Amino acid sequence: MNEPTATQISQDPMYAPYFSDCLGALDGTHIEMYIPLESQPRYQNRKGTLSQNVLAVCNFDMRFVYVLAG
């Protein structure tokens, strides 16, 4: 991934000094899922529901550049 810093950041004097090398935003979430009974113990989260942990990165154009479902 060799993208230049977004112009929203590089041309704004308020953000440029702090985010000059920033490529995007990173966040994680749990997505609820429904799976067969025999597989459920592996996907039970700390709240007792079934979910899949997903990590996602998007750039400043709001396009996903990386997704990891684990």
PDB file of N, CA and C in Angstrom:
ATOM      1  N   MET A   1       0.850  -1.171   0.000  1.00  0.00           N
ATOM      2  CA  MET A   1       0.000   0.000   0.000  1.00  0.00           C
ATOM      3  C   MET A   1       0.891   1.228   0.000  1.00  0.00           C
ATOM      4  N   ASN A   2       0.967   1.889  -1.101  1.00  0.00           N
ATOM      5  CA  ASN A   2       1.873   3.018  -1.262  1.00  0.00           C
ATOM      6  C   ASN A   2       1.107   4.269  -1.657  1.00  0.00           C
ATOM      7  N   GLU A   3       0.063   4.602  -0.920  1.00  0.00           N
ATOM      8  CA  GLU A   3      -0.767   5.756  -1.246  1.00  0.00           C
ATOM      9  C   GLU A   3      -0.233   7.001  -0.550  1.00  0.00           C
ATOM     10  N   PRO A   4      -0.324   8.158  -1.218  1.00  0.00           N
ATOM     11  CA  PRO A   4       0.093   9.397  -0.555  1.00  0.00           C
ATOM     12  C   PRO A   4      -0.915   9.796   0.523  1.00  0.00           C
ATOM     13  N   THR A   5      -0.477  10.673   1.418  1.00  0.00           N
ATOM     14  CA  THR A   5      -1.387  11.174   2.457  1.00  0.00           C
ATOM     15  C   THR A   5      -2.521  11.946   1.801  1.00  0.00           C
ATOM     16  N   ALA A   6      -3.725  11.746   2.282  1.00  0.00           N
ATOM     17  CA  ALA A   6      -4.904  12.398   1.710  1.00  0.00           C
ATOM     18  C   ALA A   6      -4.768  13.917   1.763  1.00  0.00           C
ATOM     19  N   THR A   7      -5.289  14.598   0.746  1.00  0.00           N
ATOM     20  CA  THR A   7      -5.193  16.054   0.697  1.00  0.00           C
ATOM     21  C   THR A   7      -5.962  16.713   1.834  1.00  0.00           C
ATOM     22  N   GLN A   8      -7.008  16.054   2.344  1.00  0.00           N
ATOM     23  CA  GLN A   8      -7.742  16.603   3.480  1.00  0.00           C
ATOM     24  C   GLN A   8      -6.817  16.795   4.682  1.00  0.00           C
ATOM     25  N   ILE A   9      -5.782  15.973   4.772  1.00  0.00           N
ATOM     26  CA  ILE A   9      -4.829  16.052   5.877  1.00  0.00           C
ATOM     27  C   ILE A   9      -3.619  16.891   5.490  1.00  0.00           C
ATOM     28  N   SER A  10      -3.008  16.597   4.364  1.00  0.00           N
ATOM     29  CA  SER A  10      -1.752  17.256   3.990  1.00  0.00           C
ATOM     30  C   SER A  10      -1.897  18.746   3.732  1.00  0.00           C
ATOM     31  N   GLN A  11      -3.070  19.223   3.345  1.00  0.00           N
ATOM     32  CA  GLN A  11      -3.253  20.635   3.051  1.00  0.00           C
ATOM     33  C   GLN A  11      -3.942  21.409   4.170  1.00  0.00           C
ATOM     34  N   ASP A  12      -4.222  20.766   5.276  1.00  0.00           N
ATOM     35  CA  ASP A  12      -4.877  21.428   6.400  1.00  0.00           C
ATOM     36  C   ASP A  12      -3.836  21.692   7.493  1.00  0.00           C
ATOM     37  N   PRO A  13      -3.517  22.955   7.773  1.00  0.00           N
ATOM     38  CA  PRO A  13      -2.469  23.253   8.766  1.00  0.00           C
ATOM     39  C   PRO A  13      -2.807  22.777  10.178  1.00  0.00           C
ATOM     40  N   MET A  14      -4.074  22.544  10.457  1.00  0.00           N
ATOM     41  CA  MET A  14      -4.451  22.064  11.779  1.00  0.00           C
ATOM     42  C   MET A  14      -4.097  20.580  11.966  1.00  0.00           C
ATOM     43  N   TYR A  15      -4.215  19.774  10.901  1.00  0.00           N
ATOM     44  CA  TYR A  15      -3.990  18.328  11.003  1.00  0.00           C
ATOM     45  C   TYR A  15      -2.637  17.863  10.463  1.00  0.00           C
ATOM     46  N   ALA A  16      -2.086  18.553   9.500  1.00  0.00           N
ATOM     47  CA  ALA A  16      -0.864  18.096   8.824  1.00  0.00           C
ATOM     48  C   ALA A  16       0.296  17.785   9.769  1.00  0.00           C
ATOM     49  N   PRO A  17       0.572  18.595  10.792  1.00  0.00           N
ATOM     50  CA  PRO A  17       1.719  18.273  11.654  1.00  0.00           C
ATOM     51  C   PRO A  17       1.552  16.969  12.443  1.00  0.00           C
ATOM     52  N   TYR A  18       0.317  16.580  12.682  1.00  0.00           N
ATOM     53  CA  TYR A  18       0.073  15.411  13.526  1.00  0.00           C
ATOM     54  C   TYR A  18      -0.250  14.138  12.750  1.00  0.00           C
ATOM     55  N   PHE A  19      -0.801  14.287  11.561  1.00  0.00           N
ATOM     56  CA  PHE A  19      -1.260  13.128  10.791  1.00  0.00           C
ATOM     57  C   PHE A  19      -0.600  13.037   9.418  1.00  0.00           C
ATOM     58  N   SER A  20       0.598  13.571   9.259  1.00  0.00           N
ATOM     59  CA  SER A  20       1.234  13.613   7.935  1.00  0.00           C
ATOM     60  C   SER A  20       1.505  12.223   7.351  1.00  0.00           C
ATOM     61  N   ASP A  21       1.677  11.220   8.188  1.00  0.00           N
ATOM     62  CA  ASP A  21       1.946   9.862   7.695  1.00  0.00           C
ATOM     63  C   ASP A  21       0.751   8.933   7.857  1.00  0.00           C
ATOM     64  N   CYS A  22      -0.404   9.490   8.157  1.00  0.00           N
ATOM     65  CA  CYS A  22      -1.602   8.690   8.389  1.00  0.00           C
ATOM     66  C   CYS A  22      -2.184   8.190   7.073  1.00  0.00           C
ATOM     67  N   LEU A  23      -2.521   6.911   7.021  1.00  0.00           N
ATOM     68  CA  LEU A  23      -3.096   6.311   5.812  1.00  0.00           C
ATOM     69  C   LEU A  23      -4.596   6.118   5.903  1.00  0.00           C
ATOM     70  N   GLY A  24      -5.147   6.041   7.110  1.00  0.00           N
ATOM     71  CA  GLY A  24      -6.574   5.814   7.251  1.00  0.00           C
ATOM     72  C   GLY A  24      -6.947   5.573   8.697  1.00  0.00           C
ATOM     73  N   ALA A  25      -8.079   4.922   8.893  1.00  0.00           N
ATOM     74  CA  ALA A  25      -8.582   4.638  10.235  1.00  0.00           C
ATOM     75  C   ALA A  25      -8.726   3.136  10.428  1.00  0.00           C
ATOM     76  N   LEU A  26      -8.515   2.700  11.665  1.00  0.00           N
ATOM     77  CA  LEU A  26      -8.552   1.288  12.021  1.00  0.00           C
ATOM     78  C   LEU A  26      -9.567   1.103  13.141  1.00  0.00           C
ATOM     79  N   ASP A  27     -10.402   0.070  13.041  1.00  0.00           N
ATOM     80  CA  ASP A  27     -11.364  -0.209  14.103  1.00  0.00           C
ATOM     81  C   ASP A  27     -11.759  -1.678  14.055  1.00  0.00           C
ATOM     82  N   GLY A  28     -12.232  -2.158  15.162  1.00  0.00           N
ATOM     83  CA  GLY A  28     -12.694  -3.534  15.246  1.00  0.00           C
ATOM     84  C   GLY A  28     -14.118  -3.588  15.759  1.00  0.00           C
ATOM     85  N   THR A  29     -14.797  -4.658  15.435  1.00  0.00           N
ATOM     86  CA  THR A  29     -16.177  -4.832  15.886  1.00  0.00           C
ATOM     87  C   THR A  29     -16.509  -6.319  15.948  1.00  0.00           C
ATOM     88  N   HIS A  30     -17.585  -6.625  16.622  1.00  0.00           N
ATOM     89  CA  HIS A  30     -18.101  -7.994  16.652  1.00  0.00           C
ATOM     90  C   HIS A  30     -19.388  -8.022  15.831  1.00  0.00           C
ATOM     91  N   ILE A  31     -19.491  -8.958  14.927  1.00  0.00           N
ATOM     92  CA  ILE A  31     -20.667  -9.098  14.080  1.00  0.00           C
ATOM     93  C   ILE A  31     -21.420 -10.345  14.508  1.00  0.00           C
ATOM     94  N   GLU A  32     -22.697 -10.168  14.820  1.00  0.00           N
ATOM     95  CA  GLU A  32     -23.533 -11.294  15.267  1.00  0.00           C
ATOM     96  C   GLU A  32     -23.653 -12.340  14.161  1.00  0.00           C
ATOM     97  N   MET A  33     -23.684 -13.596  14.572  1.00  0.00           N
ATOM     98  CA  MET A  33     -23.754 -14.673  13.583  1.00  0.00           C
ATOM     99  C   MET A  33     -24.642 -15.811  14.070  1.00  0.00           C
ATOM    100  N   TYR A  34     -25.082 -16.598  13.136  1.00  0.00           N
ATOM    101  CA  TYR A  34     -25.892 -17.791  13.413  1.00  0.00           C
ATOM    102  C   TYR A  34     -25.180 -18.975  12.781  1.00  0.00           C
ATOM    103  N   ILE A  35     -24.825 -19.953  13.600  1.00  0.00           N
ATOM    104  CA  ILE A  35     -24.081 -21.113  13.119  1.00  0.00           C
ATOM    105  C   ILE A  35     -24.657 -22.381  13.746  1.00  0.00           C
ATOM    106  N   PRO A  36     -24.283 -23.555  13.206  1.00  0.00           N
ATOM    107  CA  PRO A  36     -24.784 -24.816  13.756  1.00  0.00           C
ATOM    108  C   PRO A  36     -24.412 -24.984  15.237  1.00  0.00           C
ATOM    109  N   LEU A  37     -25.235 -25.692  15.958  1.00  0.00           N
ATOM    110  CA  LEU A  37     -25.091 -25.884  17.400  1.00  0.00           C
ATOM    111  C   LEU A  37     -23.712 -26.421  17.788  1.00  0.00           C
ATOM    112  N   GLU A  38     -23.172 -27.351  17.021  1.00  0.00           N
ATOM    113  CA  GLU A  38     -21.886 -27.959  17.386  1.00  0.00           C
ATOM    114  C   GLU A  38     -20.701 -26.988  17.269  1.00  0.00           C
ATOM    115  N   SER A  39     -20.838 -25.913  16.514  1.00  0.00           N
ATOM    116  CA  SER A  39     -19.759 -24.927  16.358  1.00  0.00           C
ATOM    117  C   SER A  39     -19.906 -23.724  17.286  1.00  0.00           C
ATOM    118  N   GLN A  40     -21.015 -23.608  17.977  1.00  0.00           N
ATOM    119  CA  GLN A  40     -21.293 -22.418  18.765  1.00  0.00           C
ATOM    120  C   GLN A  40     -20.306 -22.113  19.890  1.00  0.00           C
ATOM    121  N   PRO A  41     -19.788 -23.092  20.621  1.00  0.00           N
ATOM    122  CA  PRO A  41     -18.866 -22.747  21.717  1.00  0.00           C
ATOM    123  C   PRO A  41     -17.633 -21.949  21.263  1.00  0.00           C
ATOM    124  N   ARG A  42     -17.153 -22.195  20.068  1.00  0.00           N
ATOM    125  CA  ARG A  42     -15.976 -21.470  19.558  1.00  0.00           C
ATOM    126  C   ARG A  42     -16.249 -19.998  19.326  1.00  0.00           C
ATOM    127  N   TYR A  43     -17.500 -19.622  19.070  1.00  0.00           N
ATOM    128  CA  TYR A  43     -17.833 -18.255  18.680  1.00  0.00           C
ATOM    129  C   TYR A  43     -18.585 -17.479  19.757  1.00  0.00           C
ATOM    130  N   GLN A  44     -18.680 -18.031  20.953  1.00  0.00           N
ATOM    131  CA  GLN A  44     -19.388 -17.343  22.023  1.00  0.00           C
ATOM    132  C   GLN A  44     -18.472 -16.267  22.611  1.00  0.00           C
ATOM    133  N   ASN A  45     -18.960 -15.026  22.665  1.00  0.00           N
ATOM    134  CA  ASN A  45     -18.138 -13.941  23.188  1.00  0.00           C
ATOM    135  C   ASN A  45     -18.353 -13.783  24.693  1.00  0.00           C
ATOM    136  N   ARG A  46     -17.718 -12.788  25.286  1.00  0.00           N
ATOM    137  CA  ARG A  46     -17.786 -12.608  26.739  1.00  0.00           C
ATOM    138  C   ARG A  46     -19.172 -12.224  27.239  1.00  0.00           C
ATOM    139  N   LYS A  47     -20.027 -11.737  26.339  1.00  0.00           N
ATOM    140  CA  LYS A  47     -21.396 -11.380  26.725  1.00  0.00           C
ATOM    141  C   LYS A  47     -22.371 -12.539  26.534  1.00  0.00           C
ATOM    142  N   GLY A  48     -21.873 -13.668  26.031  1.00  0.00           N
ATOM    143  CA  GLY A  48     -22.701 -14.852  25.876  1.00  0.00           C
ATOM    144  C   GLY A  48     -23.403 -14.981  24.541  1.00  0.00           C
ATOM    145  N   THR A  49     -23.198 -14.029  23.636  1.00  0.00           N
ATOM    146  CA  THR A  49     -23.802 -14.125  22.305  1.00  0.00           C
ATOM    147  C   THR A  49     -22.788 -14.677  21.315  1.00  0.00           C
ATOM    148  N   LEU A  50     -23.248 -15.073  20.151  1.00  0.00           N
ATOM    149  CA  LEU A  50     -22.366 -15.597  19.112  1.00  0.00           C
ATOM    150  C   LEU A  50     -21.958 -14.465  18.181  1.00  0.00           C
ATOM    151  N   SER A  51     -20.652 -14.296  18.002  1.00  0.00           N
ATOM    152  CA  SER A  51     -20.194 -13.218  17.132  1.00  0.00           C
ATOM    153  C   SER A  51     -18.846 -13.559  16.499  1.00  0.00           C
ATOM    154  N   GLN A  52     -18.532 -12.829  15.440  1.00  0.00           N
ATOM    155  CA  GLN A  52     -17.266 -12.945  14.721  1.00  0.00           C
ATOM    156  C   GLN A  52     -16.525 -11.629  14.922  1.00  0.00           C
ATOM    157  N   ASN A  53     -15.274 -11.684  15.354  1.00  0.00           N
ATOM    158  CA  ASN A  53     -14.465 -10.498  15.544  1.00  0.00           C
ATOM    159  C   ASN A  53     -13.908 -10.048  14.197  1.00  0.00           C
ATOM    160  N   VAL A  54     -14.110  -8.779  13.833  1.00  0.00           N
ATOM    161  CA  VAL A  54     -13.668  -8.263  12.535  1.00  0.00           C
ATOM    162  C   VAL A  54     -12.877  -6.985  12.747  1.00  0.00           C
ATOM    163  N   LEU A  55     -11.703  -6.904  12.123  1.00  0.00           N
ATOM    164  CA  LEU A  55     -10.860  -5.716  12.131  1.00  0.00           C
ATOM    165  C   LEU A  55     -10.891  -5.122  10.731  1.00  0.00           C
ATOM    166  N   ALA A  56     -11.093  -3.810  10.629  1.00  0.00           N
ATOM    167  CA  ALA A  56     -11.171  -3.170   9.313  1.00  0.00           C
ATOM    168  C   ALA A  56     -10.382  -1.870   9.296  1.00  0.00           C
ATOM    169  N   VAL A  57      -9.795  -1.565   8.127  1.00  0.00           N
ATOM    170  CA  VAL A  57      -9.065  -0.320   7.902  1.00  0.00           C
ATOM    171  C   VAL A  57      -9.645   0.336   6.667  1.00  0.00           C
ATOM    172  N   CYS A  58      -9.938   1.635   6.772  1.00  0.00           N
ATOM    173  CA  CYS A  58     -10.425   2.355   5.600  1.00  0.00           C
ATOM    174  C   CYS A  58      -9.555   3.588   5.369  1.00  0.00           C
ATOM    175  N   ASN A  59      -9.499   4.039   4.116  1.00  0.00           N
ATOM    176  CA  ASN A  59      -8.729   5.237   3.804  1.00  0.00           C
ATOM    177  C   ASN A  59      -9.633   6.458   3.896  1.00  0.00           C
ATOM    178  N   PHE A  60      -9.122   7.626   3.527  1.00  0.00           N
ATOM    179  CA  PHE A  60      -9.899   8.851   3.669  1.00  0.00           C
ATOM    180  C   PHE A  60     -10.990   8.997   2.614  1.00  0.00           C
ATOM    181  N   ASP A  61     -11.008   8.118   1.633  1.00  0.00           N
ATOM    182  CA  ASP A  61     -12.090   8.082   0.650  1.00  0.00           C
ATOM    183  C   ASP A  61     -13.191   7.118   1.090  1.00  0.00           C
ATOM    184  N   MET A  62     -13.090   6.629   2.347  1.00  0.00           N
ATOM    185  CA  MET A  62     -14.040   5.696   2.929  1.00  0.00           C
ATOM    186  C   MET A  62     -14.103   4.373   2.170  1.00  0.00           C
ATOM    187  N   ARG A  63     -12.971   3.949   1.657  1.00  0.00           N
ATOM    188  CA  ARG A  63     -12.871   2.636   0.997  1.00  0.00           C
ATOM    189  C   ARG A  63     -12.096   1.701   1.914  1.00  0.00           C
ATOM    190  N   PHE A  64     -12.602   0.483   2.029  1.00  0.00           N
ATOM    191  CA  PHE A  64     -11.897  -0.494   2.851  1.00  0.00           C
ATOM    192  C   PHE A  64     -10.617  -0.906   2.136  1.00  0.00           C
ATOM    193  N   VAL A  65      -9.501  -0.823   2.837  1.00  0.00           N
ATOM    194  CA  VAL A  65      -8.233  -1.236   2.262  1.00  0.00           C
ATOM    195  C   VAL A  65      -7.699  -2.504   2.920  1.00  0.00           C
ATOM    196  N   TYR A  66      -8.298  -2.892   4.053  1.00  0.00           N
ATOM    197  CA  TYR A  66      -7.876  -4.126   4.733  1.00  0.00           C
ATOM    198  C   TYR A  66      -9.011  -4.607   5.632  1.00  0.00           C
ATOM    199  N   VAL A  67      -9.308  -5.881   5.599  1.00  0.00           N
ATOM    200  CA  VAL A  67     -10.310  -6.488   6.476  1.00  0.00           C
ATOM    201  C   VAL A  67      -9.771  -7.833   6.949  1.00  0.00           C
ATOM    202  N   LEU A  68      -9.849  -8.062   8.253  1.00  0.00           N
ATOM    203  CA  LEU A  68      -9.411  -9.334   8.835  1.00  0.00           C
ATOM    204  C   LEU A  68     -10.546  -9.861   9.698  1.00  0.00           C
ATOM    205  N   ALA A  69     -11.091 -10.983   9.311  1.00  0.00           N
ATOM    206  CA  ALA A  69     -12.123 -11.649  10.103  1.00  0.00           C
ATOM    207  C   ALA A  69     -11.470 -12.833  10.788  1.00  0.00           C
ATOM    208  N   GLY A  70     -11.478 -12.823  12.122  1.00  0.00           N
ATOM    209  CA  GLY A  70     -10.760 -13.863  12.811  1.00  0.00           C
ATOM    210  C   GLY A  70     -11.494 -14.499  13.951  1.00  0.00           C
TER     211      GLY A  70
END
